[in-house]
Amino acid sequence: MRRKLTTGLLFLLTMATPGVALAQVDPETKVIVDTLWVMVTAFLVFFMNAGFALVESGLCRAKNAVNILAKNFIVFAASSIAFWAVGFALMFGNGNSIVGLSGWFLGGADNSPAMADAYQGVFAALNWTGVPLYAKFFFQLVFAGTAATIVSGAVAERIKFSSFILFSFILVAVIYSLGGHWAWGGGWLAGMGFADFAGSTVVHSVGGWAALAGVIFLGARTGKYLPNGTVRPIPAHNMTSATLGGLILWLGWFGFNPGSTMAADPGAIALIALNTNMAAAAGCLAATATAWVMLGKPDLSMIINGTLAGLVAITAPCNAVTVGSSVIIGLVAGVLVVYAVLFFDKVKIDDPVGALSVHLVNGMFGTLAVGLFATDGGLFFGGGFGKTMTQAIGIVAVGAMTFSLSSIAWLLLKATIGIRVSKEEELEGLDTGEHGMEAYAGFVQAQEMRAEVI
């Protein structure tokens, strides 16, 4: 009992005091402290599921709230099984430069917490962190679940619940894990020097590309684009929910980025956390100002998405840039997200929550920002174009693979069980048609009693 208390106090002291060096403690204690850090940050990332559920349901219509909440709930269950059975092995198992070929169902590794050397097993790509295999798996799992959740918002209000579940399983089991192997699992991009510390490409762009394919094959919501080309606004039903969700996501990102150290390194954690916050703040302000100028009003949905855009953009370079650079990255992201939302509407790509603008567009920008702003080899710090070109190759390669395989998956689902609900069900609301219940039973939604424009 006394040893557990001592370890806990050491963990708290390490987090609060940069001068404490874990290298000076015994290896077993270091593993305990590192594992506590990894698990706590993984729990924060898991809690982001609540944030996505609130943002997405709030930004859509009341008649589809149950459906969106159900998708955000079940997606982590599907992701957990898919990643445990197949995805983790494809992503981190020993194999070749294209794909992992070992470690199915987390097999082939000794998980004894008493032997640090035994953690290596068949997952050599994760040997750089000494925490137990199960801690490594759980931390990577919450990232995989995030990628699948991104798809939910973009395809909201017209996708079949069953098709979404199946696509989420395919995405996490194969598509996400393949791109992850290239960048994080010892694959060919890692060999080139491609850098994506916490997943601007591996998580956010992958989710964005998969979502883009889904939106294209699903088509727009009924009545979103009128025959004369006019874009019909479809108002959010609960901005309180969306705002709370945005704040939860902001909090969760302090697990997402600093946790990717996968070790209790006080100096690295402090820098990454500060960079993460400053980019979010700059993105929030930039999107507010841009929306004010472009739309005439400081649109709250843009304020929320601007903050998320800054967070997505800083995810790749958060460990490699200065605080000043993180502010610049956030400012650019905040402007980009507003223009991207307007662009997707102009080309009739119907994304109800702005997921493509936040995660795809700024996932690409954030990955490129490593090549531009990294203090070690970045273009703006005297490093030339080499790092930027490597980053660009990674963006294109992962994007092409994800979009292609996602398109195949969506087409297969469309040809078999179908991916879109009927027009009647869409107009009535997916809550009733797909789930047989309402989010606000007994309440009359005056706005949704108006006739749908068809």
Protein backbone atom coordinates (compact mmCIF):
# COMPACT_ATOMS: atom_id res chain seq x y z
CA MET A 1 0.00 0.00 0.00
CA ARG A 2 2.82 2.36 0.94
CA ARG A 3 4.57 1.68 -2.39
CA LYS A 4 1.40 2.51 -4.31
CA LEU A 5 1.04 5.82 -2.45
CA THR A 6 4.68 6.65 -3.08
CA THR A 7 4.30 5.90 -6.79
CA GLY A 8 1.16 8.02 -6.99
CA LEU A 9 2.87 10.95 -5.29
CA LEU A 10 5.83 10.58 -7.62
CA PHE A 11 3.47 10.68 -10.61
CA LEU A 12 1.85 13.90 -9.40
CA LEU A 13 5.23 15.44 -8.58
CA THR A 14 6.57 14.52 -12.00
CA MET A 15 3.62 16.16 -13.74
CA ALA A 16 3.94 19.33 -11.68
CA THR A 17 7.72 19.69 -11.51
CA PRO A 18 9.74 19.73 -14.74
CA GLY A 19 12.93 19.30 -12.74
CA VAL A 20 12.07 15.75 -11.73
CA ALA A 21 13.84 13.34 -14.08
CA LEU A 22 12.25 9.93 -14.41
CA ALA A 23 15.55 8.57 -15.63
CA GLN A 24 16.74 8.86 -12.01
CA VAL A 25 14.10 6.47 -10.64
CA ASP A 26 14.17 2.70 -10.88
CA PRO A 27 12.85 1.20 -14.15
CA GLU A 28 9.82 -0.43 -12.55
CA THR A 29 8.62 2.87 -11.07
CA LYS A 30 9.15 4.63 -14.37
CA VAL A 31 6.97 2.04 -16.13
CA ILE A 32 4.24 2.55 -13.52
CA VAL A 33 4.30 6.33 -13.87
CA ASP A 34 4.42 6.20 -17.68
CA THR A 35 1.52 3.75 -17.72
CA LEU A 36 -0.58 5.98 -15.47
CA TRP A 37 0.06 8.91 -17.78
CA VAL A 38 -0.80 6.95 -20.93
CA MET A 39 -4.01 5.53 -19.46
CA VAL A 40 -5.25 8.85 -18.03
CA THR A 41 -4.73 10.59 -21.37
CA ALA A 42 -6.41 7.68 -23.17
CA PHE A 43 -9.43 8.17 -20.90
CA LEU A 44 -9.51 11.84 -21.93
CA VAL A 45 -9.47 10.87 -25.60
CA PHE A 46 -12.25 8.34 -24.96
CA PHE A 47 -14.32 11.15 -23.41
CA MET A 48 -14.05 12.97 -26.75
CA ASN A 49 -16.76 10.56 -27.94
CA ALA A 50 -19.16 12.56 -25.78
CA GLY A 51 -17.90 15.76 -27.36
CA PHE A 52 -18.44 14.50 -30.90
CA ALA A 53 -21.91 13.22 -29.98
CA LEU A 54 -22.95 16.61 -28.60
CA VAL A 55 -21.43 18.65 -31.43
CA GLU A 56 -22.90 16.52 -34.19
CA SER A 57 -26.37 16.09 -32.70
CA GLY A 58 -26.56 19.76 -31.78
CA LEU A 59 -25.62 20.96 -35.25
CA CYS A 60 -28.23 18.72 -36.91
CA ARG A 61 -32.03 18.65 -36.64
CA ALA A 62 -33.98 17.43 -33.63
CA LYS A 63 -35.68 14.70 -35.64
CA ASN A 64 -32.29 13.01 -36.18
CA ALA A 65 -30.75 13.53 -32.73
CA VAL A 66 -31.26 9.97 -31.45
CA ASN A 67 -29.74 8.54 -34.63
CA ILE A 68 -26.63 10.70 -34.36
CA LEU A 69 -26.21 9.96 -30.66
CA ALA A 70 -26.61 6.24 -31.35
CA LYS A 71 -23.96 6.35 -34.08
CA ASN A 72 -21.49 8.14 -31.82
CA PHE A 73 -22.14 5.62 -29.07
CA ILE A 74 -21.91 2.43 -31.06
CA VAL A 75 -18.97 3.50 -33.21
CA PHE A 76 -16.54 2.96 -30.34
CA ALA A 77 -17.89 -0.52 -29.74
CA ALA A 78 -17.42 -1.44 -33.40
CA SER A 79 -13.97 0.17 -33.40
CA SER A 80 -12.92 -1.77 -30.30
CA ILE A 81 -13.69 -5.17 -31.79
CA ALA A 82 -12.27 -4.28 -35.21
CA PHE A 83 -9.01 -2.91 -33.81
CA TRP A 84 -8.55 -5.79 -31.37
CA ALA A 85 -9.17 -8.50 -33.94
CA VAL A 86 -7.47 -7.07 -37.01
CA GLY A 87 -6.54 -3.39 -36.98
CA PHE A 88 -3.82 -3.31 -34.32
CA ALA A 89 -1.97 -6.19 -36.00
CA LEU A 90 -2.16 -4.55 -39.44
CA MET A 91 -1.00 -1.25 -37.97
CA PHE A 92 1.73 -2.20 -35.53
CA GLY A 93 2.45 -5.89 -36.07
CA ASN A 94 5.78 -6.94 -37.49
CA GLY A 95 5.47 -7.29 -41.25
CA ASN A 96 6.77 -5.25 -44.14
CA SER A 97 6.78 -1.61 -45.24
CA ILE A 98 3.17 -1.86 -46.45
CA VAL A 99 1.32 -3.80 -43.77
CA GLY A 100 1.72 -5.55 -40.43
CA LEU A 101 1.38 -9.33 -40.53
CA SER A 102 1.45 -10.48 -36.92
CA GLY A 103 -0.26 -10.01 -33.59
CA TRP A 104 -3.87 -10.83 -34.44
CA PHE A 105 -6.20 -10.56 -31.45
CA LEU A 106 -3.25 -9.08 -29.50
CA GLY A 107 -1.52 -12.46 -29.64
CA GLY A 108 2.20 -13.16 -29.66
CA ALA A 109 3.38 -10.79 -26.94
CA ASP A 110 4.11 -11.22 -23.22
CA ASN A 111 2.13 -8.67 -21.18
CA SER A 112 3.79 -9.31 -17.85
CA PRO A 113 4.12 -5.94 -16.08
CA ALA A 114 7.25 -7.10 -14.30
CA MET A 115 9.42 -7.46 -17.39
CA ALA A 116 9.88 -4.36 -19.54
CA ASP A 117 11.79 -6.27 -22.21
CA ALA A 118 8.84 -8.60 -22.72
CA TYR A 119 6.63 -5.75 -23.94
CA GLN A 120 8.27 -5.81 -27.35
CA GLY A 121 6.90 -9.09 -28.62
CA VAL A 122 5.71 -8.95 -32.20
CA PHE A 123 4.96 -5.20 -32.14
CA ALA A 124 8.45 -3.85 -32.72
CA ALA A 125 7.11 -0.52 -34.02
CA LEU A 126 6.02 0.33 -30.46
CA ASN A 127 9.25 -0.65 -28.73
CA TRP A 128 10.08 3.02 -28.20
CA THR A 129 7.61 3.18 -25.31
CA GLY A 130 8.04 0.89 -22.32
CA VAL A 131 4.45 0.75 -21.09
CA PRO A 132 2.61 -2.61 -21.14
CA LEU A 133 1.16 -3.85 -24.40
CA TYR A 134 -2.40 -3.45 -23.19
CA ALA A 135 -1.76 0.21 -22.40
CA LYS A 136 -0.28 0.71 -25.86
CA PHE A 137 -3.30 -0.97 -27.41
CA PHE A 138 -5.88 1.02 -25.46
CA PHE A 139 -4.23 4.34 -26.25
CA GLN A 140 -4.09 3.52 -29.95
CA LEU A 141 -7.67 2.23 -29.85
CA VAL A 142 -9.14 5.55 -28.75
CA PHE A 143 -7.39 7.18 -31.70
CA ALA A 144 -8.85 4.64 -34.10
CA GLY A 145 -12.30 5.27 -32.69
CA THR A 146 -11.85 9.00 -33.26
CA ALA A 147 -11.18 8.48 -36.97
CA ALA A 148 -14.41 6.50 -37.34
CA THR A 149 -16.41 9.08 -35.39
CA ILE A 150 -15.39 11.81 -37.85
CA VAL A 151 -17.37 10.04 -40.56
CA SER A 152 -20.57 10.15 -38.51
CA GLY A 153 -21.06 13.90 -38.72
CA ALA A 154 -20.43 14.24 -42.43
CA VAL A 155 -22.95 11.55 -43.41
CA ALA A 156 -25.54 12.58 -40.83
CA GLU A 157 -29.28 12.77 -41.40
CA ARG A 158 -29.55 10.32 -44.31
CA ILE A 159 -27.37 7.23 -43.77
CA LYS A 160 -28.65 3.82 -42.72
CA PHE A 161 -27.61 2.91 -39.21
CA SER A 162 -26.56 -0.61 -40.24
CA SER A 163 -24.40 0.67 -43.10
CA PHE A 164 -22.64 3.12 -40.82
CA ILE A 165 -21.78 0.37 -38.33
CA LEU A 166 -20.38 -1.88 -41.05
CA PHE A 167 -18.37 0.90 -42.65
CA SER A 168 -16.93 1.88 -39.27
CA PHE A 169 -15.77 -1.70 -38.74
CA ILE A 170 -14.12 -1.81 -42.18
CA LEU A 171 -12.50 1.60 -41.70
CA VAL A 172 -10.88 0.74 -38.38
CA ALA A 173 -10.01 -2.86 -39.22
CA VAL A 174 -8.33 -2.16 -42.55
CA ILE A 175 -8.23 1.36 -44.00
CA TYR A 176 -7.22 3.36 -40.93
CA SER A 177 -4.77 0.69 -39.82
CA LEU A 178 -3.09 0.50 -43.22
CA GLY A 179 -2.38 4.23 -43.28
CA GLY A 180 -1.33 4.05 -39.66
CA HIS A 181 1.19 1.32 -40.44
CA TRP A 182 2.78 3.45 -43.15
CA ALA A 183 3.30 6.39 -40.80
CA TRP A 184 3.48 4.95 -37.27
CA GLY A 185 3.96 1.21 -37.66
CA GLY A 186 7.39 1.19 -39.25
CA GLY A 187 6.08 1.47 -42.80
CA TRP A 188 7.50 3.18 -45.86
CA LEU A 189 6.42 6.70 -44.91
CA ALA A 190 8.13 6.41 -41.53
CA GLY A 191 11.25 5.28 -43.37
CA MET A 192 11.14 8.45 -45.46
CA GLY A 193 11.03 10.63 -42.37
CA PHE A 194 7.33 11.49 -42.55
CA ALA A 195 6.26 13.08 -39.25
CA ASP A 196 2.76 13.12 -37.79
CA PHE A 197 3.16 13.21 -34.03
CA ALA A 198 -0.45 12.78 -32.92
CA GLY A 199 -2.36 12.19 -36.13
CA SER A 200 -3.35 15.16 -38.28
CA THR A 201 -3.13 12.75 -41.21
CA VAL A 202 -3.24 9.31 -39.60
CA VAL A 203 -6.42 10.09 -37.65
CA HIS A 204 -8.08 13.27 -38.91
CA SER A 205 -7.38 13.25 -42.63
CA VAL A 206 -8.11 9.53 -42.82
CA GLY A 207 -11.48 10.12 -41.17
CA GLY A 208 -12.02 13.09 -43.49
CA TRP A 209 -11.21 11.22 -46.70
CA ALA A 210 -13.46 8.32 -45.67
CA ALA A 211 -16.23 10.81 -44.89
CA LEU A 212 -15.79 12.60 -48.23
CA ALA A 213 -16.26 9.34 -50.11
CA GLY A 214 -19.37 8.61 -48.08
CA VAL A 215 -20.87 12.04 -48.73
CA ILE A 216 -20.29 11.68 -52.47
CA PHE A 217 -21.98 8.28 -52.69
CA LEU A 218 -24.80 9.22 -50.35
CA GLY A 219 -25.64 12.52 -51.99
CA ALA A 220 -26.98 15.64 -50.30
CA ARG A 221 -29.83 15.77 -47.84
CA THR A 222 -33.24 16.25 -49.45
CA GLY A 223 -33.92 19.94 -49.93
CA LYS A 224 -30.39 21.13 -49.11
CA TYR A 225 -29.71 22.39 -52.65
CA LEU A 226 -32.65 23.83 -54.54
CA PRO A 227 -33.16 23.32 -58.31
CA ASN A 228 -32.07 26.89 -59.02
CA GLY A 229 -28.73 26.23 -57.34
CA THR A 230 -29.55 28.04 -54.11
CA VAL A 231 -28.12 26.58 -50.91
CA ARG A 232 -30.92 26.13 -48.39
CA PRO A 233 -29.66 26.60 -44.83
CA ILE A 234 -30.70 23.81 -42.47
CA PRO A 235 -30.38 25.30 -38.96
CA ALA A 236 -28.89 23.47 -36.03
CA HIS A 237 -31.40 22.48 -33.38
CA ASN A 238 -29.34 22.84 -30.19
CA MET A 239 -26.36 25.16 -30.06
CA THR A 240 -26.03 24.61 -26.31
CA SER A 241 -25.26 20.96 -27.00
CA ALA A 242 -22.85 21.85 -29.79
CA THR A 243 -21.00 24.35 -27.60
CA LEU A 244 -20.65 21.94 -24.69
CA GLY A 245 -19.42 19.29 -27.11
CA GLY A 246 -16.84 21.68 -28.51
CA LEU A 247 -15.50 22.42 -25.03
CA ILE A 248 -15.32 18.70 -24.23
CA LEU A 249 -13.31 18.14 -27.40
CA TRP A 250 -10.96 21.01 -26.48
CA LEU A 251 -10.40 19.31 -23.11
CA GLY A 252 -9.97 15.90 -24.70
CA TRP A 253 -7.24 17.19 -26.97
CA PHE A 254 -5.03 17.63 -23.90
CA GLY A 255 -5.04 13.85 -23.82
CA PHE A 256 -4.84 13.45 -27.58
CA ASN A 257 -1.65 15.45 -28.15
CA PRO A 258 0.34 15.39 -24.88
CA GLY A 259 -0.58 11.73 -24.36
CA SER A 260 1.14 10.83 -27.61
CA THR A 261 4.46 11.11 -25.76
CA MET A 262 3.39 7.76 -24.26
CA ALA A 263 5.72 8.58 -21.38
CA ALA A 264 5.58 11.02 -18.46
CA ASP A 265 8.09 13.48 -19.93
CA PRO A 266 7.33 16.79 -18.17
CA GLY A 267 9.11 19.08 -20.64
CA ALA A 268 7.55 17.55 -23.73
CA ILE A 269 4.09 17.37 -22.14
CA ALA A 270 4.15 21.02 -21.11
CA LEU A 271 5.21 22.26 -24.55
CA ILE A 272 2.72 20.09 -26.40
CA ALA A 273 -0.17 21.07 -24.11
CA LEU A 274 0.60 24.77 -24.48
CA ASN A 275 0.99 24.53 -28.26
CA THR A 276 -2.30 22.65 -28.43
CA ASN A 277 -4.14 25.32 -26.47
CA MET A 278 -2.64 28.28 -28.30
CA ALA A 279 -3.50 26.86 -31.72
CA ALA A 280 -7.07 26.23 -30.54
CA ALA A 281 -7.38 29.77 -29.21
CA ALA A 282 -5.95 31.29 -32.40
CA GLY A 283 -8.23 29.14 -34.54
CA CYS A 284 -11.24 30.24 -32.52
CA LEU A 285 -10.45 33.95 -32.92
CA ALA A 286 -9.50 33.67 -36.59
CA ALA A 287 -12.69 31.80 -37.49
CA THR A 288 -14.77 34.30 -35.55
CA ALA A 289 -13.25 37.23 -37.41
CA THR A 290 -13.42 35.52 -40.79
CA ALA A 291 -17.07 34.54 -40.33
CA TRP A 292 -17.88 38.06 -39.17
CA VAL A 293 -16.42 39.49 -42.36
CA MET A 294 -17.71 36.81 -44.76
CA LEU A 295 -21.15 36.22 -43.27
CA GLY A 296 -21.83 39.50 -41.52
CA LYS A 297 -22.23 37.86 -38.11
CA PRO A 298 -19.95 35.97 -35.67
CA ASP A 299 -21.54 32.57 -36.35
CA LEU A 300 -21.29 30.28 -33.28
CA SER A 301 -20.92 27.14 -35.38
CA MET A 302 -17.90 28.73 -37.05
CA ILE A 303 -16.48 29.71 -33.66
CA ILE A 304 -16.71 26.08 -32.50
CA ASN A 305 -15.36 24.64 -35.74
CA GLY A 306 -12.57 27.23 -35.84
CA THR A 307 -11.38 26.01 -32.46
CA LEU A 308 -11.52 22.41 -33.61
CA ALA A 309 -9.69 23.34 -36.81
CA GLY A 310 -6.84 24.81 -34.78
CA LEU A 311 -6.71 21.65 -32.69
CA VAL A 312 -6.62 19.39 -35.75
CA ALA A 313 -3.94 21.50 -37.43
CA ILE A 314 -1.60 21.47 -34.41
CA THR A 315 -1.98 17.72 -33.87
CA ALA A 316 0.84 16.75 -36.24
CA PRO A 317 3.40 19.47 -35.37
CA CYS A 318 2.59 19.99 -31.67
CA ASN A 319 5.90 18.51 -30.47
CA ALA A 320 8.09 20.14 -33.10
CA VAL A 321 7.13 23.83 -33.23
CA THR A 322 7.43 26.91 -31.05
CA VAL A 323 4.51 28.47 -29.22
CA GLY A 324 4.60 31.38 -31.67
CA SER A 325 4.38 29.00 -34.61
CA SER A 326 1.44 27.21 -33.00
CA VAL A 327 -0.44 30.53 -32.91
CA ILE A 328 0.24 31.09 -36.61
CA ILE A 329 -0.87 27.55 -37.43
CA GLY A 330 -4.09 28.11 -35.49
CA LEU A 331 -4.76 31.42 -37.20
CA VAL A 332 -4.40 29.88 -40.65
CA ALA A 333 -6.60 26.93 -39.64
CA GLY A 334 -9.34 29.26 -38.41
CA VAL A 335 -9.46 31.09 -41.72
CA LEU A 336 -9.26 27.86 -43.73
CA VAL A 337 -12.21 26.25 -41.99
CA VAL A 338 -14.61 29.09 -42.85
CA TYR A 339 -13.59 29.18 -46.49
CA ALA A 340 -13.73 25.38 -46.67
CA VAL A 341 -17.31 25.27 -45.34
CA LEU A 342 -18.36 27.80 -47.96
CA PHE A 343 -16.46 25.93 -50.67
CA PHE A 344 -18.05 22.54 -49.95
CA ASP A 345 -21.50 24.13 -50.03
CA LYS A 346 -20.66 25.81 -53.34
CA VAL A 347 -19.74 22.48 -54.96
CA LYS A 348 -22.78 20.81 -53.33
CA ILE A 349 -20.88 18.52 -50.99
CA ASP A 350 -23.36 18.34 -48.10
CA ASP A 351 -21.57 18.08 -44.77
CA PRO A 352 -24.04 18.93 -41.98
CA VAL A 353 -21.47 19.60 -39.26
CA GLY A 354 -18.40 20.82 -41.17
CA ALA A 355 -16.40 17.66 -40.51
CA LEU A 356 -14.63 17.80 -43.87
CA SER A 357 -13.58 21.40 -43.32
CA VAL A 358 -12.31 20.71 -39.82
CA HIS A 359 -10.70 17.29 -40.14
CA LEU A 360 -9.83 16.79 -43.81
CA VAL A 361 -8.76 20.28 -44.82
CA ASN A 362 -6.96 21.12 -41.60
CA GLY A 363 -5.60 17.62 -41.19
CA MET A 364 -3.76 18.15 -44.47
CA PHE A 365 -2.68 21.66 -43.50
CA GLY A 366 -1.45 20.54 -40.08
CA THR A 367 0.63 17.76 -41.61
CA LEU A 368 2.15 20.18 -44.08
CA ALA A 369 2.82 22.61 -41.22
CA VAL A 370 5.41 20.19 -39.84
CA GLY A 371 7.50 20.75 -42.96
CA LEU A 372 7.01 24.50 -42.74
CA PHE A 373 7.32 25.28 -39.02
CA ALA A 374 9.38 22.50 -37.42
CA THR A 375 12.32 24.02 -35.57
CA ASP A 376 14.42 21.09 -36.75
CA GLY A 377 14.42 21.14 -40.55
CA GLY A 378 11.30 23.17 -41.24
CA LEU A 379 11.25 25.44 -44.31
CA PHE A 380 10.71 28.61 -42.28
CA PHE A 381 13.57 27.66 -39.98
CA GLY A 382 16.21 27.24 -42.65
CA GLY A 383 15.63 23.58 -43.42
CA GLY A 384 14.81 23.84 -47.12
CA PHE A 385 12.01 22.05 -48.97
CA GLY A 386 12.99 18.47 -48.14
CA LYS A 387 10.82 17.98 -45.06
CA THR A 388 7.89 19.78 -46.66
CA MET A 389 8.05 17.50 -49.71
CA THR A 390 8.13 14.41 -47.51
CA GLN A 391 5.05 15.66 -45.67
CA ALA A 392 3.28 16.36 -48.96
CA ILE A 393 4.03 12.84 -50.21
CA GLY A 394 2.52 11.40 -47.05
CA ILE A 395 -0.61 13.53 -47.37
CA VAL A 396 -1.18 12.45 -50.97
CA ALA A 397 -0.36 8.78 -50.43
CA VAL A 398 -2.55 8.28 -47.36
CA GLY A 399 -5.32 10.37 -48.92
CA ALA A 400 -5.34 8.41 -52.17
CA MET A 401 -5.33 5.07 -50.38
CA THR A 402 -8.06 6.07 -47.93
CA PHE A 403 -10.36 7.61 -50.51
CA SER A 404 -9.95 4.66 -52.90
CA LEU A 405 -10.56 1.91 -50.35
CA SER A 406 -13.37 3.88 -48.71
CA SER A 407 -15.05 4.32 -52.08
CA ILE A 408 -14.88 0.57 -52.67
CA ALA A 409 -16.37 -0.08 -49.24
CA TRP A 410 -19.20 2.43 -49.73
CA LEU A 411 -19.97 1.01 -53.19
CA LEU A 412 -20.10 -2.54 -51.85
CA LEU A 413 -22.46 -1.51 -49.09
CA LYS A 414 -24.57 0.49 -51.53
CA ALA A 415 -24.87 -2.50 -53.87
CA THR A 416 -25.81 -4.92 -51.09
CA ILE A 417 -27.71 -3.52 -48.10
CA GLY A 418 -27.93 0.07 -49.32
CA ILE A 419 -26.49 3.11 -47.58
CA ARG A 420 -29.29 5.70 -47.66
CA VAL A 421 -32.67 5.67 -45.95
CA SER A 422 -35.81 6.20 -47.99
CA LYS A 423 -36.97 9.72 -48.82
CA GLU A 424 -40.01 9.28 -46.61
CA GLU A 425 -37.90 8.19 -43.65
CA GLU A 426 -35.49 11.08 -44.19
CA LEU A 427 -38.31 13.63 -44.19
CA GLU A 428 -39.96 12.10 -41.14
CA GLY A 429 -36.67 11.81 -39.30
CA LEU A 430 -34.26 8.95 -38.71
CA ASP A 431 -35.09 8.83 -35.02
CA THR A 432 -38.52 7.39 -35.72
CA GLY A 433 -37.63 5.38 -38.81
CA GLU A 434 -34.35 3.85 -37.64
CA HIS A 435 -34.83 3.71 -33.87
CA GLY A 436 -38.55 4.02 -33.15
CA MET A 437 -38.12 6.85 -30.66
CA GLU A 438 -37.72 10.60 -30.40
CA ALA A 439 -35.03 12.64 -28.68
CA TYR A 440 -37.58 15.14 -27.35
CA ALA A 441 -40.78 13.14 -26.99
CA GLY A 442 -43.73 15.35 -26.16
CA PHE A 443 -42.08 18.55 -27.33
CA VAL A 444 -43.21 20.28 -30.50
CA GLN A 445 -40.35 21.49 -32.66
CA ALA A 446 -41.97 24.45 -34.39
CA GLN A 447 -39.13 24.88 -36.82
CA GLU A 448 -39.44 21.31 -38.04
CA MET A 449 -43.21 21.49 -38.41
CA ARG A 450 -42.69 23.64 -41.49
CA ALA A 451 -43.04 21.84 -44.79
CA GLU A 452 -39.77 20.48 -46.13
CA VAL A 453 -38.61 22.10 -49.35
CA ILE A 454 -38.22 19.26 -51.82
